Amino acid sequence: MKQADALNDIRDAINVHAETTLETLSPSDNLSGLGLDALSYVEVTMSLEEKWGISIGADLPDFEDDLTVQSLLDQAPKG
């Protein structure tokens, strides 16, 4: 998966679950700074798991650890 496609998927999931209208997203963006709380973070990861056909949760640090968009990008399917 191309990074641009993964970023679009992440942006779309954040827009739905954090009820925002982000136009752009950077890998260095902090998830809590994008309007996510712990519950919406779980919803975003579940949405990405379904879209990407993978399991994400066990490989990510806790939400409280200042997660960035790059944390989710690292989980995107390769290839």
PDB file of N, CA and C in Angstrom:
ATOM      1  N   MET A   1       0.847  -1.180   0.000  1.00  0.00           N
ATOM      2  CA  MET A   1       0.000   0.000   0.000  1.00  0.00           C
ATOM      3  C   MET A   1       0.888   1.238   0.000  1.00  0.00           C
ATOM      4  N   LYS A   2       0.552   2.183  -0.835  1.00  0.00           N
ATOM      5  CA  LYS A   2       1.295   3.433  -0.895  1.00  0.00           C
ATOM      6  C   LYS A   2       0.995   4.269   0.344  1.00  0.00           C
ATOM      7  N   GLN A   3       2.009   5.028   0.798  1.00  0.00           N
ATOM      8  CA  GLN A   3       1.835   5.854   1.983  1.00  0.00           C
ATOM      9  C   GLN A   3       0.715   6.863   1.793  1.00  0.00           C
ATOM     10  N   ALA A   4       0.588   7.436   0.610  1.00  0.00           N
ATOM     11  CA  ALA A   4      -0.473   8.426   0.363  1.00  0.00           C
ATOM     12  C   ALA A   4      -1.848   7.788   0.517  1.00  0.00           C
ATOM     13  N   ASP A   5      -2.002   6.554   0.054  1.00  0.00           N
ATOM     14  CA  ASP A   5      -3.283   5.855   0.208  1.00  0.00           C
ATOM     15  C   ASP A   5      -3.571   5.570   1.676  1.00  0.00           C
ATOM     16  N   ALA A   6      -2.542   5.135   2.403  1.00  0.00           N
ATOM     17  CA  ALA A   6      -2.715   4.860   3.836  1.00  0.00           C
ATOM     18  C   ALA A   6      -3.069   6.144   4.580  1.00  0.00           C
ATOM     19  N   LEU A   7      -2.404   7.258   4.244  1.00  0.00           N
ATOM     20  CA  LEU A   7      -2.729   8.543   4.882  1.00  0.00           C
ATOM     21  C   LEU A   7      -4.177   8.937   4.616  1.00  0.00           C
ATOM     22  N   ASN A   8      -4.640   8.720   3.401  1.00  0.00           N
ATOM     23  CA  ASN A   8      -6.041   9.030   3.077  1.00  0.00           C
ATOM     24  C   ASN A   8      -6.987   8.164   3.898  1.00  0.00           C
ATOM     25  N   ASP A   9      -6.676   6.875   4.044  1.00  0.00           N
ATOM     26  CA  ASP A   9      -7.511   5.988   4.853  1.00  0.00           C
ATOM     27  C   ASP A   9      -7.553   6.454   6.299  1.00  0.00           C
ATOM     28  N   ILE A  10      -6.394   6.824   6.840  1.00  0.00           N
ATOM     29  CA  ILE A  10      -6.313   7.285   8.233  1.00  0.00           C
ATOM     30  C   ILE A  10      -7.086   8.584   8.387  1.00  0.00           C
ATOM     31  N   ARG A  11      -6.891   9.515   7.456  1.00  0.00           N
ATOM     32  CA  ARG A  11      -7.611  10.795   7.511  1.00  0.00           C
ATOM     33  C   ARG A  11      -9.113  10.567   7.473  1.00  0.00           C
ATOM     34  N   ASP A  12      -9.575   9.704   6.575  1.00  0.00           N
ATOM     35  CA  ASP A  12     -11.006   9.430   6.467  1.00  0.00           C
ATOM     36  C   ASP A  12     -11.554   8.836   7.756  1.00  0.00           C
ATOM     37  N   ALA A  13     -10.810   7.901   8.353  1.00  0.00           N
ATOM     38  CA  ALA A  13     -11.262   7.272   9.601  1.00  0.00           C
ATOM     39  C   ALA A  13     -11.313   8.295  10.736  1.00  0.00           C
ATOM     40  N   ILE A  14     -10.309   9.164  10.813  1.00  0.00           N
ATOM     41  CA  ILE A  14     -10.307  10.197  11.855  1.00  0.00           C
ATOM     42  C   ILE A  14     -11.468  11.159  11.639  1.00  0.00           C
ATOM     43  N   ASN A  15     -11.716  11.555  10.410  1.00  0.00           N
ATOM     44  CA  ASN A  15     -12.827  12.471  10.131  1.00  0.00           C
ATOM     45  C   ASN A  15     -14.157  11.877  10.569  1.00  0.00           C
ATOM     46  N   VAL A  16     -14.346  10.587  10.367  1.00  0.00           N
ATOM     47  CA  VAL A  16     -15.603   9.941  10.748  1.00  0.00           C
ATOM     48  C   VAL A  16     -15.717   9.817  12.265  1.00  0.00           C
ATOM     49  N   HIS A  17     -14.684   9.314  12.898  1.00  0.00           N
ATOM     50  CA  HIS A  17     -14.793   8.967  14.320  1.00  0.00           C
ATOM     51  C   HIS A  17     -14.485  10.119  15.275  1.00  0.00           C
ATOM     52  N   ALA A  18     -13.775  11.131  14.814  1.00  0.00           N
ATOM     53  CA  ALA A  18     -13.529  12.301  15.662  1.00  0.00           C
ATOM     54  C   ALA A  18     -14.428  13.457  15.243  1.00  0.00           C
ATOM     55  N   GLU A  19     -15.281  13.198  14.240  1.00  0.00           N
ATOM     56  CA  GLU A  19     -16.214  14.198  13.741  1.00  0.00           C
ATOM     57  C   GLU A  19     -15.501  15.500  13.386  1.00  0.00           C
ATOM     58  N   THR A  20     -14.438  15.354  12.575  1.00  0.00           N
ATOM     59  CA  THR A  20     -13.678  16.505  12.106  1.00  0.00           C
ATOM     60  C   THR A  20     -13.766  16.562  10.583  1.00  0.00           C
ATOM     61  N   THR A  21     -13.143  17.554  10.010  1.00  0.00           N
ATOM     62  CA  THR A  21     -13.086  17.668   8.549  1.00  0.00           C
ATOM     63  C   THR A  21     -11.663  17.994   8.131  1.00  0.00           C
ATOM     64  N   LEU A  22     -10.721  17.137   8.504  1.00  0.00           N
ATOM     65  CA  LEU A  22      -9.328  17.343   8.138  1.00  0.00           C
ATOM     66  C   LEU A  22      -9.167  17.251   6.630  1.00  0.00           C
ATOM     67  N   GLU A  23      -8.452  18.194   6.064  1.00  0.00           N
ATOM     68  CA  GLU A  23      -8.140  18.164   4.637  1.00  0.00           C
ATOM     69  C   GLU A  23      -6.792  17.494   4.412  1.00  0.00           C
ATOM     70  N   THR A  24      -5.839  17.779   5.292  1.00  0.00           N
ATOM     71  CA  THR A  24      -4.501  17.210   5.164  1.00  0.00           C
ATOM     72  C   THR A  24      -4.101  16.552   6.478  1.00  0.00           C
ATOM     73  N   LEU A  25      -3.110  15.683   6.368  1.00  0.00           N
ATOM     74  CA  LEU A  25      -2.644  14.941   7.526  1.00  0.00           C
ATOM     75  C   LEU A  25      -1.156  14.701   7.340  1.00  0.00           C
ATOM     76  N   SER A  26      -0.387  14.880   8.385  1.00  0.00           N
ATOM     77  CA  SER A  26       1.054  14.662   8.329  1.00  0.00           C
ATOM     78  C   SER A  26       1.419  13.493   9.248  1.00  0.00           C
ATOM     79  N   PRO A  27       2.411  12.685   8.864  1.00  0.00           N
ATOM     80  CA  PRO A  27       2.826  11.577   9.730  1.00  0.00           C
ATOM     81  C   PRO A  27       3.222  12.023  11.134  1.00  0.00           C
ATOM     82  N   SER A  28       3.678  13.255  11.289  1.00  0.00           N
ATOM     83  CA  SER A  28       4.104  13.736  12.607  1.00  0.00           C
ATOM     84  C   SER A  28       2.954  14.265  13.461  1.00  0.00           C
ATOM     85  N   ASP A  29       1.745  14.365  12.905  1.00  0.00           N
ATOM     86  CA  ASP A  29       0.597  14.859  13.672  1.00  0.00           C
ATOM     87  C   ASP A  29       0.302  13.941  14.853  1.00  0.00           C
ATOM     88  N   ASN A  30       0.088  14.544  16.011  1.00  0.00           N
ATOM     89  CA  ASN A  30      -0.275  13.806  17.213  1.00  0.00           C
ATOM     90  C   ASN A  30      -1.765  13.495  17.166  1.00  0.00           C
ATOM     91  N   LEU A  31      -2.133  12.244  17.439  1.00  0.00           N
ATOM     92  CA  LEU A  31      -3.541  11.843  17.326  1.00  0.00           C
ATOM     93  C   LEU A  31      -4.448  12.605  18.284  1.00  0.00           C
ATOM     94  N   SER A  32      -3.988  12.855  19.497  1.00  0.00           N
ATOM     95  CA  SER A  32      -4.843  13.588  20.435  1.00  0.00           C
ATOM     96  C   SER A  32      -5.036  15.031  19.979  1.00  0.00           C
ATOM     97  N   GLY A  33      -4.073  15.579  19.268  1.00  0.00           N
ATOM     98  CA  GLY A  33      -4.186  16.933  18.752  1.00  0.00           C
ATOM     99  C   GLY A  33      -5.141  17.042  17.567  1.00  0.00           C
ATOM    100  N   LEU A  34      -5.547  15.881  17.023  1.00  0.00           N
ATOM    101  CA  LEU A  34      -6.478  15.869  15.894  1.00  0.00           C
ATOM    102  C   LEU A  34      -7.917  15.689  16.340  1.00  0.00           C
ATOM    103  N   GLY A  35      -8.141  15.740  17.643  1.00  0.00           N
ATOM    104  CA  GLY A  35      -9.498  15.628  18.156  1.00  0.00           C
ATOM    105  C   GLY A  35      -9.891  14.236  18.606  1.00  0.00           C
ATOM    106  N   LEU A  36      -8.932  13.304  18.620  1.00  0.00           N
ATOM    107  CA  LEU A  36      -9.254  11.950  19.070  1.00  0.00           C
ATOM    108  C   LEU A  36      -9.131  11.840  20.577  1.00  0.00           C
ATOM    109  N   ASP A  37     -10.049  11.105  21.171  1.00  0.00           N
ATOM    110  CA  ASP A  37      -9.903  10.699  22.559  1.00  0.00           C
ATOM    111  C   ASP A  37      -9.681   9.189  22.533  1.00  0.00           C
ATOM    112  N   ALA A  38      -9.578   8.555  23.686  1.00  0.00           N
ATOM    113  CA  ALA A  38      -9.266   7.126  23.739  1.00  0.00           C
ATOM    114  C   ALA A  38     -10.318   6.283  23.004  1.00  0.00           C
ATOM    115  N   LEU A  39     -11.582   6.629  23.137  1.00  0.00           N
ATOM    116  CA  LEU A  39     -12.644   5.853  22.482  1.00  0.00           C
ATOM    117  C   LEU A  39     -12.594   6.018  20.970  1.00  0.00           C
ATOM    118  N   SER A  40     -12.461   7.246  20.489  1.00  0.00           N
ATOM    119  CA  SER A  40     -12.416   7.442  19.042  1.00  0.00           C
ATOM    120  C   SER A  40     -11.145   6.844  18.448  1.00  0.00           C
ATOM    121  N   TYR A  41     -10.062   6.800  19.223  1.00  0.00           N
ATOM    122  CA  TYR A  41      -8.834   6.138  18.777  1.00  0.00           C
ATOM    123  C   TYR A  41      -9.096   4.652  18.529  1.00  0.00           C
ATOM    124  N   VAL A  42      -9.792   4.006  19.446  1.00  0.00           N
ATOM    125  CA  VAL A  42     -10.137   2.587  19.271  1.00  0.00           C
ATOM    126  C   VAL A  42     -11.019   2.427  18.030  1.00  0.00           C
ATOM    127  N   GLU A  43     -11.963   3.312  17.841  1.00  0.00           N
ATOM    128  CA  GLU A  43     -12.842   3.240  16.672  1.00  0.00           C
ATOM    129  C   GLU A  43     -12.059   3.421  15.375  1.00  0.00           C
ATOM    130  N   VAL A  44     -11.094   4.325  15.373  1.00  0.00           N
ATOM    131  CA  VAL A  44     -10.261   4.537  14.191  1.00  0.00           C
ATOM    132  C   VAL A  44      -9.451   3.276  13.891  1.00  0.00           C
ATOM    133  N   THR A  45      -8.816   2.706  14.905  1.00  0.00           N
ATOM    134  CA  THR A  45      -8.006   1.514  14.659  1.00  0.00           C
ATOM    135  C   THR A  45      -8.869   0.346  14.197  1.00  0.00           C
ATOM    136  N   MET A  46     -10.058   0.201  14.754  1.00  0.00           N
ATOM    137  CA  MET A  46     -10.952  -0.872  14.309  1.00  0.00           C
ATOM    138  C   MET A  46     -11.379  -0.657  12.856  1.00  0.00           C
ATOM    139  N   SER A  47     -11.649   0.570  12.489  1.00  0.00           N
ATOM    140  CA  SER A  47     -12.024   0.897  11.117  1.00  0.00           C
ATOM    141  C   SER A  47     -10.887   0.567  10.146  1.00  0.00           C
ATOM    142  N   LEU A  48      -9.656   0.911  10.538  1.00  0.00           N
ATOM    143  CA  LEU A  48      -8.502   0.622   9.686  1.00  0.00           C
ATOM    144  C   LEU A  48      -8.243  -0.882   9.598  1.00  0.00           C
ATOM    145  N   GLU A  49      -8.425  -1.588  10.701  1.00  0.00           N
ATOM    146  CA  GLU A  49      -8.264  -3.045  10.678  1.00  0.00           C
ATOM    147  C   GLU A  49      -9.214  -3.674   9.670  1.00  0.00           C
ATOM    148  N   GLU A  50     -10.447  -3.210   9.685  1.00  0.00           N
ATOM    149  CA  GLU A  50     -11.442  -3.748   8.756  1.00  0.00           C
ATOM    150  C   GLU A  50     -11.082  -3.398   7.309  1.00  0.00           C
ATOM    151  N   LYS A  51     -10.707  -2.150   7.069  1.00  0.00           N
ATOM    152  CA  LYS A  51     -10.387  -1.706   5.710  1.00  0.00           C
ATOM    153  C   LYS A  51      -9.136  -2.394   5.174  1.00  0.00           C
ATOM    154  N   TRP A  52      -8.118  -2.533   6.026  1.00  0.00           N
ATOM    155  CA  TRP A  52      -6.846  -3.091   5.605  1.00  0.00           C
ATOM    156  C   TRP A  52      -6.769  -4.609   5.757  1.00  0.00           C
ATOM    157  N   GLY A  53      -7.741  -5.209   6.462  1.00  0.00           N
ATOM    158  CA  GLY A  53      -7.730  -6.655   6.650  1.00  0.00           C
ATOM    159  C   GLY A  53      -6.593  -7.148   7.525  1.00  0.00           C
ATOM    160  N   ILE A  54      -6.248  -6.366   8.549  1.00  0.00           N
ATOM    161  CA  ILE A  54      -5.148  -6.726   9.444  1.00  0.00           C
ATOM    162  C   ILE A  54      -5.568  -6.496  10.890  1.00  0.00           C
ATOM    163  N   SER A  55      -4.713  -6.911  11.821  1.00  0.00           N
ATOM    164  CA  SER A  55      -4.915  -6.633  13.239  1.00  0.00           C
ATOM    165  C   SER A  55      -3.878  -5.598  13.660  1.00  0.00           C
ATOM    166  N   ILE A  56      -4.325  -4.521  14.274  1.00  0.00           N
ATOM    167  CA  ILE A  56      -3.435  -3.419  14.636  1.00  0.00           C
ATOM    168  C   ILE A  56      -3.122  -3.376  16.124  1.00  0.00           C
ATOM    169  N   GLY A  57      -4.121  -3.492  16.966  1.00  0.00           N
ATOM    170  CA  GLY A  57      -4.051  -3.178  18.380  1.00  0.00           C
ATOM    171  C   GLY A  57      -2.831  -3.610  19.153  1.00  0.00           C
ATOM    172  N   ALA A  58      -2.391  -4.854  19.021  1.00  0.00           N
ATOM    173  CA  ALA A  58      -1.312  -5.372  19.856  1.00  0.00           C
ATOM    174  C   ALA A  58       0.027  -4.709  19.558  1.00  0.00           C
ATOM    175  N   ASP A  59       0.189  -4.147  18.387  1.00  0.00           N
ATOM    176  CA  ASP A  59       1.472  -3.580  17.991  1.00  0.00           C
ATOM    177  C   ASP A  59       1.628  -2.104  18.321  1.00  0.00           C
ATOM    178  N   LEU A  60       0.574  -1.463  18.763  1.00  0.00           N
ATOM    179  CA  LEU A  60       0.637  -0.029  19.046  1.00  0.00           C
ATOM    180  C   LEU A  60       0.764   0.233  20.542  1.00  0.00           C
ATOM    181  N   PRO A  61       1.487   1.297  20.893  1.00  0.00           N
ATOM    182  CA  PRO A  61       1.496   1.705  22.307  1.00  0.00           C
ATOM    183  C   PRO A  61       0.120   2.229  22.710  1.00  0.00           C
ATOM    184  N   ASP A  62      -0.065   2.438  23.994  1.00  0.00           N
ATOM    185  CA  ASP A  62      -1.332   2.970  24.487  1.00  0.00           C
ATOM    186  C   ASP A  62      -1.559   4.385  23.966  1.00  0.00           C
ATOM    187  N   PHE A  63      -2.822   4.769  23.878  1.00  0.00           N
ATOM    188  CA  PHE A  63      -3.195   6.089  23.386  1.00  0.00           C
ATOM    189  C   PHE A  63      -2.523   7.203  24.185  1.00  0.00           C
ATOM    190  N   GLU A  64      -2.356   6.992  25.460  1.00  0.00           N
ATOM    191  CA  GLU A  64      -1.795   8.028  26.331  1.00  0.00           C
ATOM    192  C   GLU A  64      -0.322   8.312  26.030  1.00  0.00           C
ATOM    193  N   ASP A  65       0.312   7.500  25.200  1.00  0.00           N
ATOM    194  CA  ASP A  65       1.736   7.647  24.921  1.00  0.00           C
ATOM    195  C   ASP A  65       2.029   8.598  23.763  1.00  0.00           C
ATOM    196  N   ASP A  66       1.181   9.578  23.529  1.00  0.00           N
ATOM    197  CA  ASP A  66       1.388  10.576  22.479  1.00  0.00           C
ATOM    198  C   ASP A  66       1.604   9.943  21.107  1.00  0.00           C
ATOM    199  N   LEU A  67       0.660   9.144  20.688  1.00  0.00           N
ATOM    200  CA  LEU A  67       0.738   8.493  19.383  1.00  0.00           C
ATOM    201  C   LEU A  67       0.659   9.510  18.257  1.00  0.00           C
ATOM    202  N   THR A  68       1.347   9.209  17.183  1.00  0.00           N
ATOM    203  CA  THR A  68       1.302  10.048  15.987  1.00  0.00           C
ATOM    204  C   THR A  68       0.667   9.269  14.844  1.00  0.00           C
ATOM    205  N   VAL A  69       0.363   9.969  13.786  1.00  0.00           N
ATOM    206  CA  VAL A  69      -0.165   9.334  12.583  1.00  0.00           C
ATOM    207  C   VAL A  69       0.836   8.291  12.073  1.00  0.00           C
ATOM    208  N   GLN A  70       2.127   8.566  12.249  1.00  0.00           N
ATOM    209  CA  GLN A  70       3.152   7.610  11.812  1.00  0.00           C
ATOM    210  C   GLN A  70       2.973   6.255  12.491  1.00  0.00           C
ATOM    211  N   SER A  71       2.500   6.241  13.728  1.00  0.00           N
ATOM    212  CA  SER A  71       2.247   4.982  14.437  1.00  0.00           C
ATOM    213  C   SER A  71       1.250   4.123  13.675  1.00  0.00           C
ATOM    214  N   LEU A  72       0.227   4.768  13.118  1.00  0.00           N
ATOM    215  CA  LEU A  72      -0.763   4.039  12.320  1.00  0.00           C
ATOM    216  C   LEU A  72      -0.214   3.692  10.938  1.00  0.00           C
ATOM    217  N   LEU A  73       0.544   4.613  10.340  1.00  0.00           N
ATOM    218  CA  LEU A  73       1.146   4.332   9.027  1.00  0.00           C
ATOM    219  C   LEU A  73       2.040   3.105   9.074  1.00  0.00           C
ATOM    220  N   ASP A  74       2.747   2.942  10.179  1.00  0.00           N
ATOM    221  CA  ASP A  74       3.647   1.795  10.330  1.00  0.00           C
ATOM    222  C   ASP A  74       2.882   0.469  10.309  1.00  0.00           C
ATOM    223  N   GLN A  75       1.577   0.518  10.576  1.00  0.00           N
ATOM    224  CA  GLN A  75       0.770  -0.690  10.608  1.00  0.00           C
ATOM    225  C   GLN A  75       0.131  -1.003   9.262  1.00  0.00           C
ATOM    226  N   ALA A  76       0.183  -0.082   8.318  1.00  0.00           N
ATOM    227  CA  ALA A  76      -0.447  -0.273   7.010  1.00  0.00           C
ATOM    228  C   ALA A  76       0.196  -1.451   6.291  1.00  0.00           C
ATOM    229  N   PRO A  77      -0.614  -2.200   5.531  1.00  0.00           N
ATOM    230  CA  PRO A  77      -0.070  -3.334   4.779  1.00  0.00           C
ATOM    231  C   PRO A  77       1.056  -2.882   3.852  1.00  0.00           C
ATOM    232  N   LYS A  78       2.078  -3.676   3.770  1.00  0.00           N
ATOM    233  CA  LYS A  78       3.214  -3.370   2.895  1.00  0.00           C
ATOM    234  C   LYS A  78       2.958  -3.936   1.503  1.00  0.00           C
ATOM    235  N   GLY A  79       3.487  -3.256   0.516  1.00  0.00           N
ATOM    236  CA  GLY A  79       3.404  -3.809  -0.834  1.00  0.00           C
ATOM    237  C   GLY A  79       2.369  -3.249  -1.719  1.00  0.00           C
TER     238      GLY A  79
END
